[in-house]
Amino acid sequence: MQHLVGLLAAALFALLSAWWLWTEVPSEDYVLLAEDERLARFSRQCSAEVLLPEDEPKGWSNWSMHSAVVLLLHGEVSPLHGWPKDPRPPPSWDCRPADLPRHWRINSRVHFQVVAEDGELLERSFDPELDANAKDLDEPWAHRSCAADQLTADGFKQAVLNGRRLAGRYGETLASATLEAYSMDTKPCLTTAVGSLLPLLPEMEGTVSIRTLPATAASVDVASQLRASDDLLARWCHHGSLPCDTQSCTTPAGAAAMMSLADKHLCTLVDSRNDGLAQWLRLAAGASRLTLLSLDVSQLAVHLMSLGLTCRGAVAEGESMRPPRGSMLLLERWRRHSDARWRVLWNGVDVSQELPCGSTEGLGCPEAALLRMLEGDRVPSNG
């Protein structure tokens, strides 16, 4: 009898599930999303897997690190546009204050300010904007749903975690070096800069300036393509669903096509000369300093492309050209006597030897060769 009751309950559940799919998701394209490899690839875009590089890599024992340039991509954000025709839209995105582990030591005594390129002090808030129309009355969400295009609580945690990695890597260096911080003038990027700087400055009291960077030169068409695919990722990463309308749902194939189109637009941003990254390397080479930049997807992607890390074979087949959220690109300048080399680390992995400028003995890129590569001479001489 008990076995019969169990079978009846299972049958009833199956009928209810079928009825829900028929009434709420009127689409013949509905599939079990978790079983599709394309969506597994989307999931790998949700959060970068950042490894900790070795403190003293093999072969560098007679070298000393002089300076570094750190390029950070913001983590999870809420979508800019919603899905008003979706019969089952996501309820909200979580903008509750990040509940960081107790052992994550961060500095709450330092004050951050935003400064324009010309030195003018800008009024900016690092607190996320909230959705006044969200139906989030239940605790612990109550009145803490993100408005559009905000860094979520998980996105802030990603920034703090990257800051802890940087603190472990450069904490001693900062004692004798200066720190310069730059960011795109958007709420996700500025908040990412703050989250990553907090663990880097555990003993500091006072004010730290974050200088704004000029907006990306991407065309309106490219920006719109990135935005649509970014919103799709935001929904998948936070809620594990794809949008629907009254007629059908976005299929994994459709989502993959949208991501592929965005990748093609990203690749159009690369030309024969892109010296933006070279300028930052020259800045770091001129003095002992750690330079931290918080960027949006298109800007970081352009820098990666200028290094040849995307669009030219370094991306695994079938993966997206865009960097995963929370990604980190480190460029470290090492010196020995009059010789200067750059180590290039992508999410903690040394990829220097994958670049055209990689030295024959496996010790990073000679400075002159890397700069020539970035500034347009694609035939650098290895050293």
Protein backbone atom coordinates (compact mmCIF):
# COMPACT_ATOMS: atom_id res chain seq x y z
CA MET A 1 0.00 0.00 0.00
CA GLN A 2 2.78 2.39 0.95
CA HIS A 3 4.53 1.62 -2.34
CA LEU A 4 1.30 2.36 -4.25
CA VAL A 5 0.91 5.71 -2.49
CA GLY A 6 4.48 6.61 -3.46
CA LEU A 7 3.81 5.80 -7.11
CA LEU A 8 0.63 7.88 -7.09
CA ALA A 9 2.48 10.81 -5.54
CA ALA A 10 5.22 10.60 -8.17
CA ALA A 11 2.64 10.47 -10.94
CA LEU A 12 0.82 13.49 -9.51
CA PHE A 13 4.10 15.43 -9.33
CA ALA A 14 4.85 14.60 -12.97
CA LEU A 15 1.39 15.77 -14.03
CA LEU A 16 1.74 19.03 -12.10
CA SER A 17 5.18 19.62 -13.63
CA ALA A 18 3.83 19.03 -17.13
CA TRP A 19 0.90 21.38 -16.44
CA TRP A 20 3.29 24.10 -15.21
CA LEU A 21 5.44 23.82 -18.34
CA TRP A 22 2.35 23.97 -20.54
CA THR A 23 0.79 27.00 -18.83
CA GLU A 24 3.81 28.98 -17.66
CA VAL A 25 6.40 28.18 -20.34
CA PRO A 26 4.47 27.68 -23.60
CA SER A 27 7.43 26.49 -25.66
CA GLU A 28 8.34 23.26 -27.45
CA ASP A 29 12.00 24.29 -27.15
CA TYR A 30 12.11 23.80 -23.40
CA VAL A 31 14.96 21.49 -22.40
CA LEU A 32 16.66 20.36 -19.25
CA LEU A 33 19.06 23.28 -19.08
CA ALA A 34 21.49 21.65 -16.67
CA GLU A 35 22.24 18.91 -19.21
CA ASP A 36 23.37 21.29 -21.98
CA GLU A 37 27.14 21.78 -22.32
CA ARG A 38 26.65 25.26 -23.76
CA LEU A 39 25.12 26.40 -20.49
CA ALA A 40 27.94 24.77 -18.58
CA ARG A 41 30.24 27.09 -20.55
CA PHE A 42 28.03 30.04 -19.59
CA SER A 43 28.41 29.04 -15.96
CA ARG A 44 32.18 29.26 -16.29
CA GLN A 45 31.70 32.94 -17.16
CA CYS A 46 29.98 33.63 -13.82
CA SER A 47 33.10 33.66 -11.68
CA ALA A 48 36.77 33.47 -12.61
CA GLU A 49 38.91 30.75 -11.07
CA VAL A 50 41.91 32.78 -9.91
CA LEU A 51 44.98 30.88 -8.75
CA LEU A 52 47.67 32.24 -6.46
CA PRO A 53 51.00 32.58 -8.30
CA GLU A 54 54.18 31.30 -6.69
CA ASP A 55 55.94 33.85 -4.50
CA GLU A 56 59.27 33.26 -6.25
CA PRO A 57 58.83 31.49 -9.59
CA LYS A 58 61.48 29.12 -10.81
CA GLY A 59 64.36 30.92 -12.51
CA TRP A 60 63.62 34.31 -10.96
CA SER A 61 65.68 33.96 -7.77
CA ASN A 62 68.20 36.61 -8.87
CA TRP A 63 65.50 39.03 -9.95
CA SER A 64 63.56 41.55 -7.85
CA MET A 65 60.02 42.73 -8.52
CA HIS A 66 59.94 46.45 -9.21
CA SER A 67 56.29 47.28 -9.90
CA ALA A 68 53.03 45.82 -11.16
CA VAL A 69 49.93 46.71 -13.12
CA VAL A 70 46.70 45.02 -11.96
CA LEU A 71 43.64 44.95 -14.21
CA LEU A 72 40.43 43.81 -12.51
CA LEU A 73 37.03 42.97 -13.95
CA HIS A 74 33.97 43.51 -11.78
CA GLY A 75 32.04 40.51 -10.54
CA GLU A 76 28.32 39.75 -10.65
CA VAL A 77 26.00 42.62 -11.58
CA SER A 78 22.24 42.96 -11.90
CA PRO A 79 20.89 43.31 -15.47
CA LEU A 80 20.38 46.71 -17.06
CA HIS A 81 17.15 45.65 -18.78
CA GLY A 82 14.45 43.33 -17.47
CA TRP A 83 12.17 40.91 -19.26
CA PRO A 84 8.67 42.45 -19.02
CA LYS A 85 7.05 39.78 -21.22
CA ASP A 86 8.48 36.86 -19.26
CA PRO A 87 5.67 34.87 -17.54
CA ARG A 88 8.09 33.81 -14.79
CA PRO A 89 10.67 36.61 -14.41
CA PRO A 90 13.42 36.35 -11.77
CA PRO A 91 12.23 37.88 -8.49
CA SER A 92 15.27 40.03 -7.67
CA TRP A 93 19.02 40.38 -7.42
CA ASP A 94 20.62 40.34 -3.99
CA CYS A 95 22.11 43.67 -2.85
CA ARG A 96 22.17 42.90 0.87
CA PRO A 97 25.39 43.98 2.60
CA ALA A 98 28.00 41.33 1.88
CA ASP A 99 28.31 38.90 4.79
CA LEU A 100 32.08 38.43 4.68
CA PRO A 101 33.75 35.68 6.73
CA ARG A 102 35.08 36.91 10.05
CA HIS A 103 38.68 36.04 9.17
CA TRP A 104 38.59 38.29 6.10
CA ARG A 105 40.41 41.27 7.51
CA ILE A 106 39.42 44.49 5.76
CA ASN A 107 39.84 48.14 6.64
CA SER A 108 36.71 50.14 7.42
CA ARG A 109 38.64 53.22 8.59
CA VAL A 110 39.89 54.34 5.21
CA HIS A 111 37.78 56.78 3.16
CA PHE A 112 37.58 56.57 -0.62
CA GLN A 113 36.94 59.46 -2.98
CA VAL A 114 36.56 59.62 -6.75
CA VAL A 115 38.58 62.14 -8.75
CA ALA A 116 38.18 63.08 -12.42
CA GLU A 117 41.03 63.10 -14.91
CA ASP A 118 41.49 66.85 -14.38
CA GLY A 119 41.64 66.46 -10.59
CA GLU A 120 38.07 67.57 -9.88
CA LEU A 121 36.45 65.81 -6.93
CA LEU A 122 33.37 63.85 -8.04
CA GLU A 123 30.33 62.98 -5.95
CA ARG A 124 29.98 59.22 -6.13
CA SER A 125 28.39 56.66 -3.84
CA PHE A 126 29.73 53.12 -3.49
CA ASP A 127 26.49 51.79 -1.98
CA PRO A 128 24.30 49.89 -4.44
CA GLU A 129 21.10 51.50 -5.64
CA LEU A 130 18.00 49.54 -4.66
CA ASP A 131 14.87 48.66 -6.61
CA ALA A 132 12.02 50.65 -5.06
CA ASN A 133 9.42 48.58 -6.96
CA ALA A 134 10.71 45.16 -5.94
CA LYS A 135 8.32 42.89 -4.06
CA ASP A 136 10.92 41.84 -1.51
CA LEU A 137 9.10 42.18 1.79
CA ASP A 138 10.28 38.87 3.25
CA GLU A 139 13.39 38.74 5.43
CA PRO A 140 16.30 38.64 4.94
CA TRP A 141 15.71 40.29 1.56
CA ALA A 142 13.44 43.06 2.79
CA HIS A 143 14.00 46.18 0.68
CA ARG A 144 17.48 45.07 -0.43
CA SER A 145 16.89 44.08 -4.08
CA CYS A 146 19.32 45.61 -6.57
CA ALA A 147 18.28 48.27 -9.03
CA ALA A 148 19.54 47.91 -12.60
CA ASP A 149 23.28 47.54 -13.29
CA GLN A 150 24.49 47.24 -9.69
CA LEU A 151 27.26 45.13 -8.21
CA THR A 152 25.53 42.41 -6.19
CA ALA A 153 26.56 41.15 -2.77
CA ASP A 154 28.33 38.21 -4.45
CA GLY A 155 30.02 40.61 -6.86
CA PHE A 156 31.41 42.61 -3.94
CA LYS A 157 32.69 39.42 -2.34
CA GLN A 158 34.52 38.61 -5.57
CA ALA A 159 36.22 42.02 -5.40
CA VAL A 160 37.25 41.57 -1.76
CA LEU A 161 38.59 38.08 -2.48
CA ASN A 162 40.74 39.46 -5.30
CA GLY A 163 41.92 42.16 -2.90
CA ARG A 164 42.98 39.49 -0.42
CA ARG A 165 44.92 37.73 -3.16
CA LEU A 166 46.64 41.00 -4.01
CA ALA A 167 47.40 41.68 -0.35
CA GLY A 168 49.08 38.30 -0.03
CA ARG A 169 51.02 38.95 -3.20
CA TYR A 170 52.03 42.60 -2.78
CA GLY A 171 51.58 43.41 0.90
CA GLU A 172 55.31 43.75 1.57
CA THR A 173 55.87 45.61 -1.71
CA LEU A 174 53.36 48.29 -0.74
CA ALA A 175 55.44 49.22 2.30
CA SER A 176 58.08 50.74 0.01
CA ALA A 177 55.96 51.56 -3.04
CA THR A 178 53.09 53.81 -3.94
CA LEU A 179 49.62 52.66 -4.92
CA GLU A 180 47.62 54.31 -7.67
CA ALA A 181 44.00 53.31 -8.31
CA TYR A 182 41.96 53.96 -11.43
CA SER A 183 38.46 52.88 -12.43
CA MET A 184 35.85 53.21 -15.11
CA ASP A 185 33.26 55.72 -13.90
CA THR A 186 30.46 53.19 -13.36
CA LYS A 187 28.95 51.93 -10.12
CA PRO A 188 30.07 48.27 -10.59
CA CYS A 189 33.65 49.27 -11.47
CA LEU A 190 34.03 51.86 -8.71
CA THR A 191 32.62 49.50 -6.08
CA THR A 192 34.94 46.76 -7.33
CA ALA A 193 37.90 49.11 -6.91
CA VAL A 194 36.87 49.82 -3.31
CA GLY A 195 36.31 46.13 -2.51
CA SER A 196 39.71 45.13 -3.87
CA LEU A 197 41.52 48.00 -2.12
CA LEU A 198 40.09 47.35 1.35
CA PRO A 199 42.25 44.26 2.07
CA LEU A 200 45.31 45.98 0.56
CA LEU A 201 45.24 48.78 3.14
CA PRO A 202 44.74 47.00 6.50
CA GLU A 203 46.59 49.57 8.62
CA MET A 204 45.81 52.77 6.76
CA GLU A 205 43.64 55.61 8.01
CA GLY A 206 42.73 58.56 5.84
CA THR A 207 41.60 59.13 2.26
CA VAL A 208 42.44 57.19 -0.90
CA SER A 209 41.66 58.68 -4.31
CA ILE A 210 40.35 56.60 -7.20
CA ARG A 211 40.87 58.35 -10.53
CA THR A 212 38.32 57.82 -13.28
CA LEU A 213 39.29 56.41 -16.67
CA PRO A 214 37.90 57.63 -20.00
CA ALA A 215 34.95 55.68 -21.36
CA THR A 216 35.56 52.83 -23.76
CA ALA A 217 35.74 53.67 -27.46
CA ALA A 218 33.41 50.80 -28.36
CA SER A 219 30.70 51.73 -30.83
CA VAL A 220 27.05 51.94 -29.80
CA ASP A 221 26.39 48.71 -31.69
CA VAL A 222 29.17 46.85 -29.88
CA ALA A 223 28.08 48.24 -26.51
CA SER A 224 24.47 47.14 -27.09
CA GLN A 225 25.57 43.65 -28.10
CA LEU A 226 27.68 43.36 -24.97
CA ARG A 227 24.84 44.66 -22.82
CA ALA A 228 22.32 42.13 -24.11
CA SER A 229 24.67 39.21 -23.55
CA ASP A 230 25.76 40.63 -20.18
CA ASP A 231 22.12 40.70 -19.06
CA LEU A 232 21.68 37.13 -20.25
CA LEU A 233 24.70 36.09 -18.18
CA ALA A 234 23.43 38.04 -15.17
CA ARG A 235 20.18 36.08 -15.23
CA TRP A 236 21.85 32.72 -15.79
CA CYS A 237 24.53 33.26 -13.13
CA HIS A 238 22.16 34.50 -10.42
CA HIS A 239 19.00 32.49 -11.11
CA GLY A 240 19.98 29.62 -13.41
CA SER A 241 17.30 30.39 -15.98
CA LEU A 242 16.97 31.82 -19.48
CA PRO A 243 14.33 34.41 -20.40
CA CYS A 244 10.99 33.61 -22.00
CA ASP A 245 8.15 35.58 -23.55
CA THR A 246 4.52 34.63 -24.10
CA GLN A 247 5.42 32.54 -27.15
CA SER A 248 8.70 30.79 -26.46
CA CYS A 249 11.82 30.62 -24.32
CA THR A 250 15.42 31.37 -25.16
CA THR A 251 17.07 28.05 -25.95
CA PRO A 252 20.68 27.15 -25.15
CA ALA A 253 21.38 27.38 -28.89
CA GLY A 254 19.88 30.87 -29.02
CA ALA A 255 21.83 31.98 -25.96
CA ALA A 256 25.05 30.57 -27.44
CA ALA A 257 24.40 32.43 -30.70
CA MET A 258 23.96 35.70 -28.80
CA MET A 259 27.23 35.16 -26.94
CA SER A 260 29.02 34.28 -30.19
CA LEU A 261 27.79 37.47 -31.84
CA ALA A 262 29.01 39.52 -28.89
CA ASP A 263 32.40 37.83 -29.15
CA LYS A 264 32.65 38.81 -32.82
CA HIS A 265 31.90 42.42 -31.92
CA LEU A 266 34.59 42.31 -29.24
CA CYS A 267 37.11 41.15 -31.82
CA THR A 268 36.28 44.11 -34.07
CA LEU A 269 37.71 46.40 -31.38
CA VAL A 270 41.21 45.12 -32.06
CA ASP A 271 43.26 46.91 -34.72
CA SER A 272 46.91 46.87 -35.69
CA ARG A 273 47.81 49.38 -33.00
CA ASN A 274 46.54 49.44 -29.42
CA ASP A 275 48.98 51.16 -27.10
CA GLY A 276 46.60 51.73 -24.17
CA LEU A 277 48.15 48.95 -22.11
CA ALA A 278 51.66 50.08 -23.07
CA GLN A 279 50.96 53.44 -21.45
CA TRP A 280 50.21 51.75 -18.12
CA LEU A 281 53.35 49.66 -18.36
CA ARG A 282 55.47 52.75 -18.99
CA LEU A 283 53.83 54.44 -16.01
CA ALA A 284 54.71 51.53 -13.73
CA ALA A 285 58.23 51.31 -15.14
CA GLY A 286 58.88 54.95 -14.29
CA ALA A 287 58.58 54.46 -10.54
CA SER A 288 58.09 51.76 -7.91
CA ARG A 289 54.33 51.53 -7.69
CA LEU A 290 51.37 49.18 -7.78
CA THR A 291 48.80 50.39 -10.29
CA LEU A 292 45.27 49.01 -9.94
CA LEU A 293 42.64 49.45 -12.65
CA SER A 294 38.99 48.41 -12.42
CA LEU A 295 37.56 47.92 -15.91
CA ASP A 296 34.43 46.88 -17.75
CA VAL A 297 34.25 43.82 -19.99
CA SER A 298 35.04 45.59 -23.26
CA GLN A 299 38.08 47.45 -21.94
CA LEU A 300 39.65 44.41 -20.29
CA ALA A 301 38.88 42.33 -23.38
CA VAL A 302 40.67 44.87 -25.58
CA HIS A 303 43.78 44.70 -23.37
CA LEU A 304 43.67 40.91 -23.46
CA MET A 305 43.35 40.98 -27.23
CA SER A 306 46.28 43.37 -27.55
CA LEU A 307 48.34 40.72 -25.74
CA GLY A 308 47.04 38.03 -28.07
CA LEU A 309 45.23 36.16 -25.29
CA THR A 310 41.87 36.16 -27.08
CA CYS A 311 40.68 36.05 -30.70
CA ARG A 312 44.00 34.55 -31.79
CA GLY A 313 43.93 31.03 -30.40
CA ALA A 314 44.68 31.29 -26.67
CA VAL A 315 41.01 30.84 -25.73
CA ALA A 316 39.91 27.22 -25.49
CA GLU A 317 37.74 26.04 -28.37
CA GLY A 318 34.08 26.70 -27.74
CA GLU A 319 34.69 29.11 -24.85
CA SER A 320 33.63 32.75 -24.87
CA MET A 321 36.13 35.45 -25.83
CA ARG A 322 35.00 37.60 -22.92
CA PRO A 323 36.82 37.28 -19.59
CA PRO A 324 34.90 35.59 -16.75
CA ARG A 325 33.54 37.92 -14.09
CA GLY A 326 35.99 38.72 -11.34
CA SER A 327 38.97 38.07 -13.63
CA MET A 328 42.39 39.52 -12.89
CA LEU A 329 45.29 40.28 -15.23
CA LEU A 330 48.65 40.94 -13.55
CA LEU A 331 51.67 42.39 -15.31
CA GLU A 332 54.73 42.36 -13.05
CA ARG A 333 57.97 44.19 -13.84
CA TRP A 334 61.07 42.35 -12.64
CA ARG A 335 64.62 43.72 -12.71
CA ARG A 336 68.14 42.33 -12.59
CA HIS A 337 70.83 44.99 -12.97
CA SER A 338 69.88 46.89 -16.14
CA ASP A 339 67.63 44.15 -17.51
CA ALA A 340 63.83 44.43 -17.14
CA ARG A 341 61.31 41.64 -17.81
CA TRP A 342 57.53 41.46 -17.52
CA ARG A 343 55.61 38.46 -16.22
CA VAL A 344 52.05 38.27 -17.54
CA LEU A 345 49.65 36.33 -15.30
CA TRP A 346 46.07 35.66 -16.37
CA ASN A 347 43.95 34.67 -13.35
CA GLY A 348 47.10 33.53 -11.58
CA VAL A 349 48.59 31.50 -14.44
CA ASP A 350 51.83 32.72 -16.03
CA VAL A 351 51.05 33.02 -19.75
CA SER A 352 54.16 35.00 -20.71
CA GLN A 353 55.49 32.22 -22.91
CA GLU A 354 52.24 32.11 -24.89
CA LEU A 355 52.92 35.65 -26.11
CA PRO A 356 55.01 36.52 -29.18
CA CYS A 357 57.39 38.42 -26.88
CA GLY A 358 58.08 35.42 -24.60
CA SER A 359 61.82 35.00 -24.01
CA THR A 360 63.63 31.91 -25.25
CA GLU A 361 64.85 31.02 -21.74
CA GLY A 362 61.32 31.15 -20.32
CA LEU A 363 61.74 34.27 -18.19
CA GLY A 364 58.81 36.48 -19.12
CA CYS A 365 58.86 39.10 -21.86
CA PRO A 366 61.79 41.49 -22.34
CA GLU A 367 60.43 44.97 -21.70
CA ALA A 368 61.35 46.41 -25.09
CA ALA A 369 59.85 43.43 -26.92
CA LEU A 370 56.57 43.62 -24.98
CA LEU A 371 56.22 47.36 -25.58
CA ARG A 372 56.94 46.96 -29.30
CA MET A 373 54.32 44.23 -29.49
CA LEU A 374 51.70 46.38 -27.78
CA GLU A 375 52.52 49.51 -29.75
CA GLY A 376 52.13 47.92 -33.14
CA ASP A 377 55.36 46.08 -34.03
CA ARG A 378 54.11 42.47 -34.18
CA VAL A 379 57.56 40.98 -34.80
CA PRO A 380 59.38 41.47 -31.48
CA SER A 381 62.83 40.04 -30.98
CA ASN A 382 62.99 37.52 -28.14
CA GLY A 383 65.76 37.79 -25.58
